[in-house]
């Protein structure tokens, strides 16, 4: 489903991540692993392939989605990505 959120820079990514619904986070973080049969997620793919942040992408993949809420996932993702360009 198209949205107004497009990330061309890390700043765009962080801004969008702050504003998207938790449903978008679920889709791109959890459902993507099933859809494309990867051990990764759409966010990590973008960080690795488009932003060149391999370590940050790996760190996002290590977020334990089974013991936290989707809002907690968002917070952890923001903390990791913001750390990458701090």
PDB file of N, CA and C in Angstrom:
ATOM      1  N   UNK A   1       0.845  -1.172   0.000  1.00  0.00           N
ATOM      2  CA  UNK A   1       0.000   0.000   0.000  1.00  0.00           C
ATOM      3  C   UNK A   1       0.896   1.242   0.000  1.00  0.00           C
ATOM      4  N   UNK A   2       0.788   2.061  -1.004  1.00  0.00           N
ATOM      5  CA  UNK A   2       1.629   3.260  -1.084  1.00  0.00           C
ATOM      6  C   UNK A   2       1.336   4.242   0.057  1.00  0.00           C
ATOM      7  N   UNK A   3       2.388   4.890   0.512  1.00  0.00           N
ATOM      8  CA  UNK A   3       2.242   5.925   1.537  1.00  0.00           C
ATOM      9  C   UNK A   3       3.031   7.151   1.105  1.00  0.00           C
ATOM     10  N   UNK A   4       2.982   8.192   1.887  1.00  0.00           N
ATOM     11  CA  UNK A   4       3.728   9.408   1.579  1.00  0.00           C
ATOM     12  C   UNK A   4       5.174   9.315   2.049  1.00  0.00           C
ATOM     13  N   UNK A   5       5.546   8.225   2.680  1.00  0.00           N
ATOM     14  CA  UNK A   5       6.884   8.081   3.250  1.00  0.00           C
ATOM     15  C   UNK A   5       7.856   7.490   2.228  1.00  0.00           C
ATOM     16  N   UNK A   6       8.916   8.238   1.951  1.00  0.00           N
ATOM     17  CA  UNK A   6       9.975   7.791   1.054  1.00  0.00           C
ATOM     18  C   UNK A   6      11.297   8.162   1.709  1.00  0.00           C
ATOM     19  N   UNK A   7      12.186   7.198   1.813  1.00  0.00           N
ATOM     20  CA  UNK A   7      13.486   7.458   2.436  1.00  0.00           C
ATOM     21  C   UNK A   7      14.584   7.437   1.385  1.00  0.00           C
ATOM     22  N   UNK A   8      15.147   8.596   1.135  1.00  0.00           N
ATOM     23  CA  UNK A   8      16.287   8.677   0.235  1.00  0.00           C
ATOM     24  C   UNK A   8      17.568   8.951   1.011  1.00  0.00           C
ATOM     25  N   UNK A   9      17.409   9.435   2.248  1.00  0.00           N
ATOM     26  CA  UNK A   9      18.554   9.704   3.124  1.00  0.00           C
ATOM     27  C   UNK A   9      18.269   9.102   4.491  1.00  0.00           C
ATOM     28  N   UNK A  10      19.302   9.025   5.316  1.00  0.00           N
ATOM     29  CA  UNK A  10      19.092   8.539   6.685  1.00  0.00           C
ATOM     30  C   UNK A  10      18.149   9.446   7.456  1.00  0.00           C
ATOM     31  N   UNK A  11      18.242  10.737   7.219  1.00  0.00           N
ATOM     32  CA  UNK A  11      17.343  11.666   7.889  1.00  0.00           C
ATOM     33  C   UNK A  11      15.895  11.403   7.485  1.00  0.00           C
ATOM     34  N   UNK A  12      15.657  11.121   6.192  1.00  0.00           N
ATOM     35  CA  UNK A  12      14.319  10.756   5.729  1.00  0.00           C
ATOM     36  C   UNK A  12      13.849   9.470   6.413  1.00  0.00           C
ATOM     37  N   UNK A  13      14.763   8.517   6.527  1.00  0.00           N
ATOM     38  CA  UNK A  13      14.438   7.230   7.146  1.00  0.00           C
ATOM     39  C   UNK A  13      14.003   7.428   8.594  1.00  0.00           C
ATOM     40  N   UNK A  14      14.762   8.212   9.342  1.00  0.00           N
ATOM     41  CA  UNK A  14      14.437   8.456  10.752  1.00  0.00           C
ATOM     42  C   UNK A  14      13.108   9.198  10.871  1.00  0.00           C
ATOM     43  N   UNK A  15      12.914  10.223  10.051  1.00  0.00           N
ATOM     44  CA  UNK A  15      11.659  10.976  10.086  1.00  0.00           C
ATOM     45  C   UNK A  15      10.479  10.053   9.788  1.00  0.00           C
ATOM     46  N   UNK A  16      10.609   9.241   8.752  1.00  0.00           N
ATOM     47  CA  UNK A  16       9.533   8.321   8.401  1.00  0.00           C
ATOM     48  C   UNK A  16       9.285   7.282   9.473  1.00  0.00           C
ATOM     49  N   UNK A  17      10.353   6.766  10.051  1.00  0.00           N
ATOM     50  CA  UNK A  17      10.222   5.756  11.099  1.00  0.00           C
ATOM     51  C   UNK A  17       9.488   6.310  12.314  1.00  0.00           C
ATOM     52  N   UNK A  18       9.700   7.577  12.602  1.00  0.00           N
ATOM     53  CA  UNK A  18       8.989   8.218  13.720  1.00  0.00           C
ATOM     54  C   UNK A  18       7.492   8.354  13.447  1.00  0.00           C
ATOM     55  N   UNK A  19       7.121   8.463  12.167  1.00  0.00           N
ATOM     56  CA  UNK A  19       5.740   8.792  11.814  1.00  0.00           C
ATOM     57  C   UNK A  19       4.892   7.624  11.319  1.00  0.00           C
ATOM     58  N   UNK A  20       5.510   6.571  10.789  1.00  0.00           N
ATOM     59  CA  UNK A  20       4.702   5.475  10.244  1.00  0.00           C
ATOM     60  C   UNK A  20       3.939   4.758  11.349  1.00  0.00           C
ATOM     61  N   UNK A  21       2.898   4.082  10.945  1.00  0.00           N
ATOM     62  CA  UNK A  21       2.113   3.313  11.919  1.00  0.00           C
ATOM     63  C   UNK A  21       2.884   2.052  12.322  1.00  0.00           C
ATOM     64  N   UNK A  22       2.492   1.488  13.445  1.00  0.00           N
ATOM     65  CA  UNK A  22       3.120   0.229  13.866  1.00  0.00           C
ATOM     66  C   UNK A  22       2.783  -0.890  12.881  1.00  0.00           C
ATOM     67  N   UNK A  23       1.710  -0.714  12.121  1.00  0.00           N
ATOM     68  CA  UNK A  23       1.351  -1.707  11.106  1.00  0.00           C
ATOM     69  C   UNK A  23       2.411  -1.733  10.002  1.00  0.00           C
ATOM     70  N   UNK A  24       2.935  -0.565   9.653  1.00  0.00           N
ATOM     71  CA  UNK A  24       4.008  -0.505   8.657  1.00  0.00           C
ATOM     72  C   UNK A  24       5.271  -1.148   9.202  1.00  0.00           C
ATOM     73  N   UNK A  25       5.544  -0.910  10.463  1.00  0.00           N
ATOM     74  CA  UNK A  25       6.719  -1.527  11.087  1.00  0.00           C
ATOM     75  C   UNK A  25       6.564  -3.040  11.073  1.00  0.00           C
ATOM     76  N   UNK A  26       5.390  -3.510  11.433  1.00  0.00           N
ATOM     77  CA  UNK A  26       5.125  -4.951  11.411  1.00  0.00           C
ATOM     78  C   UNK A  26       5.334  -5.508  10.007  1.00  0.00           C
ATOM     79  N   UNK A  27       4.784  -4.845   9.024  1.00  0.00           N
ATOM     80  CA  UNK A  27       4.883  -5.326   7.643  1.00  0.00           C
ATOM     81  C   UNK A  27       6.344  -5.395   7.183  1.00  0.00           C
ATOM     82  N   UNK A  28       7.086  -4.329   7.386  1.00  0.00           N
ATOM     83  CA  UNK A  28       8.451  -4.264   6.855  1.00  0.00           C
ATOM     84  C   UNK A  28       9.480  -4.953   7.743  1.00  0.00           C
ATOM     85  N   UNK A  29       9.160  -5.120   9.015  1.00  0.00           N
ATOM     86  CA  UNK A  29      10.124  -5.734   9.926  1.00  0.00           C
ATOM     87  C   UNK A  29       9.862  -7.223  10.132  1.00  0.00           C
ATOM     88  N   UNK A  30       8.605  -7.606  10.175  1.00  0.00           N
ATOM     89  CA  UNK A  30       8.263  -8.996  10.488  1.00  0.00           C
ATOM     90  C   UNK A  30       7.760  -9.754   9.263  1.00  0.00           C
ATOM     91  N   UNK A  31       6.746  -9.216   8.603  1.00  0.00           N
ATOM     92  CA  UNK A  31       6.178  -9.925   7.451  1.00  0.00           C
ATOM     93  C   UNK A  31       7.163 -10.059   6.303  1.00  0.00           C
ATOM     94  N   UNK A  32       8.072  -9.109   6.162  1.00  0.00           N
ATOM     95  CA  UNK A  32       9.053  -9.168   5.066  1.00  0.00           C
ATOM     96  C   UNK A  32       9.904 -10.430   5.151  1.00  0.00           C
ATOM     97  N   UNK A  33      10.203 -10.864   6.349  1.00  0.00           N
ATOM     98  CA  UNK A  33      11.013 -12.081   6.508  1.00  0.00           C
ATOM     99  C   UNK A  33      10.303 -13.296   5.923  1.00  0.00           C
ATOM    100  N   UNK A  34       8.999 -13.313   6.055  1.00  0.00           N
ATOM    101  CA  UNK A  34       8.209 -14.426   5.518  1.00  0.00           C
ATOM    102  C   UNK A  34       7.988 -14.267   4.021  1.00  0.00           C
ATOM    103  N   UNK A  35       7.710 -13.045   3.610  1.00  0.00           N
ATOM    104  CA  UNK A  35       7.386 -12.755   2.215  1.00  0.00           C
ATOM    105  C   UNK A  35       8.558 -13.038   1.286  1.00  0.00           C
ATOM    106  N   UNK A  36       9.735 -12.587   1.667  1.00  0.00           N
ATOM    107  CA  UNK A  36      10.886 -12.770   0.786  1.00  0.00           C
ATOM    108  C   UNK A  36      11.825 -13.867   1.274  1.00  0.00           C
ATOM    109  N   UNK A  37      11.370 -14.595   2.283  1.00  0.00           N
ATOM    110  CA  UNK A  37      12.108 -15.755   2.805  1.00  0.00           C
ATOM    111  C   UNK A  37      13.563 -15.419   3.127  1.00  0.00           C
ATOM    112  N   UNK A  38      13.746 -14.319   3.817  1.00  0.00           N
ATOM    113  CA  UNK A  38      15.075 -13.909   4.247  1.00  0.00           C
ATOM    114  C   UNK A  38      15.182 -14.000   5.755  1.00  0.00           C
ATOM    115  N   UNK A  39      16.379 -13.968   6.227  1.00  0.00           N
ATOM    116  CA  UNK A  39      16.605 -13.875   7.669  1.00  0.00           C
ATOM    117  C   UNK A  39      16.831 -12.416   8.027  1.00  0.00           C
ATOM    118  N   UNK A  40      16.215 -11.536   7.254  1.00  0.00           N
ATOM    119  CA  UNK A  40      16.388 -10.107   7.429  1.00  0.00           C
ATOM    120  C   UNK A  40      15.027  -9.439   7.319  1.00  0.00           C
ATOM    121  N   UNK A  41      15.030  -8.123   7.213  1.00  0.00           N
ATOM    122  CA  UNK A  41      13.801  -7.358   7.078  1.00  0.00           C
ATOM    123  C   UNK A  41      14.042  -6.231   6.080  1.00  0.00           C
ATOM    124  N   UNK A  42      12.968  -5.590   5.645  1.00  0.00           N
ATOM    125  CA  UNK A  42      13.089  -4.540   4.636  1.00  0.00           C
ATOM    126  C   UNK A  42      13.965  -3.382   5.114  1.00  0.00           C
ATOM    127  N   UNK A  43      13.847  -3.011   6.384  1.00  0.00           N
ATOM    128  CA  UNK A  43      14.624  -1.889   6.912  1.00  0.00           C
ATOM    129  C   UNK A  43      16.124  -2.197   6.866  1.00  0.00           C
ATOM    130  N   UNK A  44      16.496  -3.383   7.295  1.00  0.00           N
ATOM    131  CA  UNK A  44      17.909  -3.771   7.276  1.00  0.00           C
ATOM    132  C   UNK A  44      18.431  -3.866   5.851  1.00  0.00           C
ATOM    133  N   UNK A  45      17.599  -4.374   4.951  1.00  0.00           N
ATOM    134  CA  UNK A  45      17.992  -4.451   3.548  1.00  0.00           C
ATOM    135  C   UNK A  45      18.320  -3.055   3.022  1.00  0.00           C
ATOM    136  N   UNK A  46      17.450  -2.083   3.304  1.00  0.00           N
ATOM    137  CA  UNK A  46      17.666  -0.720   2.834  1.00  0.00           C
ATOM    138  C   UNK A  46      18.931  -0.125   3.459  1.00  0.00           C
ATOM    139  N   UNK A  47      19.085  -0.314   4.758  1.00  0.00           N
ATOM    140  CA  UNK A  47      20.263   0.237   5.434  1.00  0.00           C
ATOM    141  C   UNK A  47      21.552  -0.341   4.867  1.00  0.00           C
ATOM    142  N   UNK A  48      21.553  -1.610   4.548  1.00  0.00           N
ATOM    143  CA  UNK A  48      22.752  -2.258   4.015  1.00  0.00           C
ATOM    144  C   UNK A  48      22.977  -1.881   2.549  1.00  0.00           C
ATOM    145  N   UNK A  49      21.943  -2.011   1.733  1.00  0.00           N
ATOM    146  CA  UNK A  49      22.111  -1.844   0.291  1.00  0.00           C
ATOM    147  C   UNK A  49      22.130  -0.387  -0.171  1.00  0.00           C
ATOM    148  N   UNK A  50      21.292   0.454   0.413  1.00  0.00           N
ATOM    149  CA  UNK A  50      21.178   1.834  -0.059  1.00  0.00           C
ATOM    150  C   UNK A  50      21.956   2.833   0.786  1.00  0.00           C
ATOM    151  N   UNK A  51      22.074   2.579   2.073  1.00  0.00           N
ATOM    152  CA  UNK A  51      22.773   3.528   2.946  1.00  0.00           C
ATOM    153  C   UNK A  51      24.186   3.068   3.297  1.00  0.00           C
ATOM    154  N   UNK A  52      24.522   1.821   2.977  1.00  0.00           N
ATOM    155  CA  UNK A  52      25.863   1.313   3.259  1.00  0.00           C
ATOM    156  C   UNK A  52      26.161   1.111   4.735  1.00  0.00           C
ATOM    157  N   UNK A  53      25.125   0.905   5.544  1.00  0.00           N
ATOM    158  CA  UNK A  53      25.292   0.744   6.997  1.00  0.00           C
ATOM    159  C   UNK A  53      25.128  -0.716   7.397  1.00  0.00           C
ATOM    160  N   UNK A  54      26.113  -1.510   7.050  1.00  0.00           N
ATOM    161  CA  UNK A  54      26.054  -2.951   7.294  1.00  0.00           C
ATOM    162  C   UNK A  54      25.941  -3.278   8.781  1.00  0.00           C
ATOM    163  N   UNK A  55      26.736  -2.637   9.621  1.00  0.00           N
ATOM    164  CA  UNK A  55      26.689  -2.917  11.058  1.00  0.00           C
ATOM    165  C   UNK A  55      25.332  -2.559  11.658  1.00  0.00           C
ATOM    166  N   UNK A  56      24.783  -1.430  11.228  1.00  0.00           N
ATOM    167  CA  UNK A  56      23.467  -1.015  11.728  1.00  0.00           C
ATOM    168  C   UNK A  56      22.400  -1.991  11.248  1.00  0.00           C
ATOM    169  N   UNK A  57      22.507  -2.436  10.015  1.00  0.00           N
ATOM    170  CA  UNK A  57      21.560  -3.418   9.480  1.00  0.00           C
ATOM    171  C   UNK A  57      21.600  -4.712  10.294  1.00  0.00           C
ATOM    172  N   UNK A  58      22.798  -5.170  10.634  1.00  0.00           N
ATOM    173  CA  UNK A  58      22.928  -6.379  11.462  1.00  0.00           C
ATOM    174  C   UNK A  58      22.339  -6.157  12.851  1.00  0.00           C
ATOM    175  N   UNK A  59      22.555  -4.978  13.403  1.00  0.00           N
ATOM    176  CA  UNK A  59      22.024  -4.672  14.733  1.00  0.00           C
ATOM    177  C   UNK A  59      20.499  -4.684  14.720  1.00  0.00           C
ATOM    178  N   UNK A  60      19.886  -4.151  13.673  1.00  0.00           N
ATOM    179  CA  UNK A  60      18.431  -4.182  13.572  1.00  0.00           C
ATOM    180  C   UNK A  60      17.930  -5.617  13.505  1.00  0.00           C
ATOM    181  N   UNK A  61      18.645  -6.467  12.797  1.00  0.00           N
ATOM    182  CA  UNK A  61      18.240  -7.870  12.694  1.00  0.00           C
ATOM    183  C   UNK A  61      18.286  -8.587  14.037  1.00  0.00           C
ATOM    184  N   UNK A  62      19.061  -8.075  14.966  1.00  0.00           N
ATOM    185  CA  UNK A  62      19.169  -8.717  16.282  1.00  0.00           C
ATOM    186  C   UNK A  62      18.096  -8.263  17.275  1.00  0.00           C
ATOM    187  N   UNK A  63      17.244  -7.319  16.880  1.00  0.00           N
ATOM    188  CA  UNK A  63      16.158  -6.894  17.771  1.00  0.00           C
ATOM    189  C   UNK A  63      15.230  -8.083  17.984  1.00  0.00           C
ATOM    190  N   UNK A  64      14.956  -8.380  19.241  1.00  0.00           N
ATOM    191  CA  UNK A  64      14.097  -9.512  19.584  1.00  0.00           C
ATOM    192  C   UNK A  64      12.640  -9.086  19.509  1.00  0.00           C
ATOM    193  N   UNK A  65      11.983  -9.432  18.426  1.00  0.00           N
ATOM    194  CA  UNK A  65      10.607  -8.996  18.194  1.00  0.00           C
ATOM    195  C   UNK A  65       9.588  -9.758  19.040  1.00  0.00           C
ATOM    196  N   UNK A  66      10.034 -10.787  19.728  1.00  0.00           N
ATOM    197  CA  UNK A  66       9.103 -11.616  20.485  1.00  0.00           C
ATOM    198  C   UNK A  66       8.954 -11.194  21.938  1.00  0.00           C
ATOM    199  N   UNK A  67       9.813 -10.317  22.407  1.00  0.00           N
ATOM    200  CA  UNK A  67       9.759  -9.944  23.823  1.00  0.00           C
ATOM    201  C   UNK A  67       9.443  -8.471  24.043  1.00  0.00           C
ATOM    202  N   UNK A  68       9.175  -7.737  22.955  1.00  0.00           N
ATOM    203  CA  UNK A  68       8.873  -6.311  23.074  1.00  0.00           C
ATOM    204  C   UNK A  68       7.675  -5.965  22.193  1.00  0.00           C
ATOM    205  N   UNK A  69       7.121  -4.784  22.420  1.00  0.00           N
ATOM    206  CA  UNK A  69       6.015  -4.309  21.583  1.00  0.00           C
ATOM    207  C   UNK A  69       6.570  -3.708  20.293  1.00  0.00           C
ATOM    208  N   UNK A  70       5.697  -3.458  19.338  1.00  0.00           N
ATOM    209  CA  UNK A  70       6.127  -2.825  18.098  1.00  0.00           C
ATOM    210  C   UNK A  70       6.618  -1.397  18.344  1.00  0.00           C
ATOM    211  N   UNK A  71       6.067  -0.718  19.333  1.00  0.00           N
ATOM    212  CA  UNK A  71       6.580   0.610  19.694  1.00  0.00           C
ATOM    213  C   UNK A  71       7.999   0.494  20.236  1.00  0.00           C
ATOM    214  N   UNK A  72       8.266  -0.564  20.987  1.00  0.00           N
ATOM    215  CA  UNK A  72       9.632  -0.796  21.475  1.00  0.00           C
ATOM    216  C   UNK A  72      10.581  -1.097  20.313  1.00  0.00           C
ATOM    217  N   UNK A  73      10.093  -1.833  19.327  1.00  0.00           N
ATOM    218  CA  UNK A  73      10.898  -2.114  18.131  1.00  0.00           C
ATOM    219  C   UNK A  73      11.246  -0.793  17.452  1.00  0.00           C
ATOM    220  N   UNK A  74      10.247   0.085  17.305  1.00  0.00           N
ATOM    221  CA  UNK A  74      10.473   1.394  16.698  1.00  0.00           C
ATOM    222  C   UNK A  74      11.555   2.161  17.473  1.00  0.00           C
ATOM    223  N   UNK A  75      11.429   2.203  18.789  1.00  0.00           N
ATOM    224  CA  UNK A  75      12.397   2.930  19.621  1.00  0.00           C
ATOM    225  C   UNK A  75      13.807   2.362  19.475  1.00  0.00           C
ATOM    226  N   UNK A  76      13.913   1.042  19.471  1.00  0.00           N
ATOM    227  CA  UNK A  76      15.229   0.415  19.314  1.00  0.00           C
ATOM    228  C   UNK A  76      15.816   0.712  17.946  1.00  0.00           C
ATOM    229  N   UNK A  77      14.974   0.653  16.923  1.00  0.00           N
ATOM    230  CA  UNK A  77      15.446   0.959  15.571  1.00  0.00           C
ATOM    231  C   UNK A  77      15.935   2.400  15.490  1.00  0.00           C
ATOM    232  N   UNK A  78      15.158   3.327  16.038  1.00  0.00           N
ATOM    233  CA  UNK A  78      15.558   4.740  16.015  1.00  0.00           C
ATOM    234  C   UNK A  78      16.883   4.948  16.738  1.00  0.00           C
ATOM    235  N   UNK A  79      17.028   4.323  17.883  1.00  0.00           N
ATOM    236  CA  UNK A  79      18.258   4.468  18.653  1.00  0.00           C
ATOM    237  C   UNK A  79      19.469   3.961  17.854  1.00  0.00           C
ATOM    238  N   UNK A  80      19.305   2.827  17.196  1.00  0.00           N
ATOM    239  CA  UNK A  80      20.411   2.251  16.427  1.00  0.00           C
ATOM    240  C   UNK A  80      20.762   3.094  15.195  1.00  0.00           C
ATOM    241  N   UNK A  81      19.739   3.555  14.486  1.00  0.00           N
ATOM    242  CA  UNK A  81      19.983   4.334  13.282  1.00  0.00           C
ATOM    243  C   UNK A  81      20.545   5.716  13.635  1.00  0.00           C
ATOM    244  N   UNK A  82      20.003   6.341  14.666  1.00  0.00           N
ATOM    245  CA  UNK A  82      20.512   7.653  15.072  1.00  0.00           C
ATOM    246  C   UNK A  82      21.966   7.553  15.535  1.00  0.00           C
ATOM    247  N   UNK A  83      22.317   6.466  16.163  1.00  0.00           N
ATOM    248  CA  UNK A  83      23.692   6.230  16.591  1.00  0.00           C
ATOM    249  C   UNK A  83      24.637   6.137  15.382  1.00  0.00           C
ATOM    250  N   UNK A  84      24.124   5.658  14.259  1.00  0.00           N
ATOM    251  CA  UNK A  84      24.934   5.477  13.062  1.00  0.00           C
ATOM    252  C   UNK A  84      25.406   6.805  12.458  1.00  0.00           C
ATOM    253  N   UNK A  85      24.617   7.850  12.648  1.00  0.00           N
ATOM    254  CA  UNK A  85      25.048   9.136  12.088  1.00  0.00           C
ATOM    255  C   UNK A  85      25.252  10.196  13.153  1.00  0.00           C
ATOM    256  N   UNK A  86      25.497   9.747  14.381  1.00  0.00           N
ATOM    257  CA  UNK A  86      25.774  10.692  15.476  1.00  0.00           C
ATOM    258  C   UNK A  86      27.238  11.080  15.490  1.00  0.00           C
TER     259      UNK A  86
END
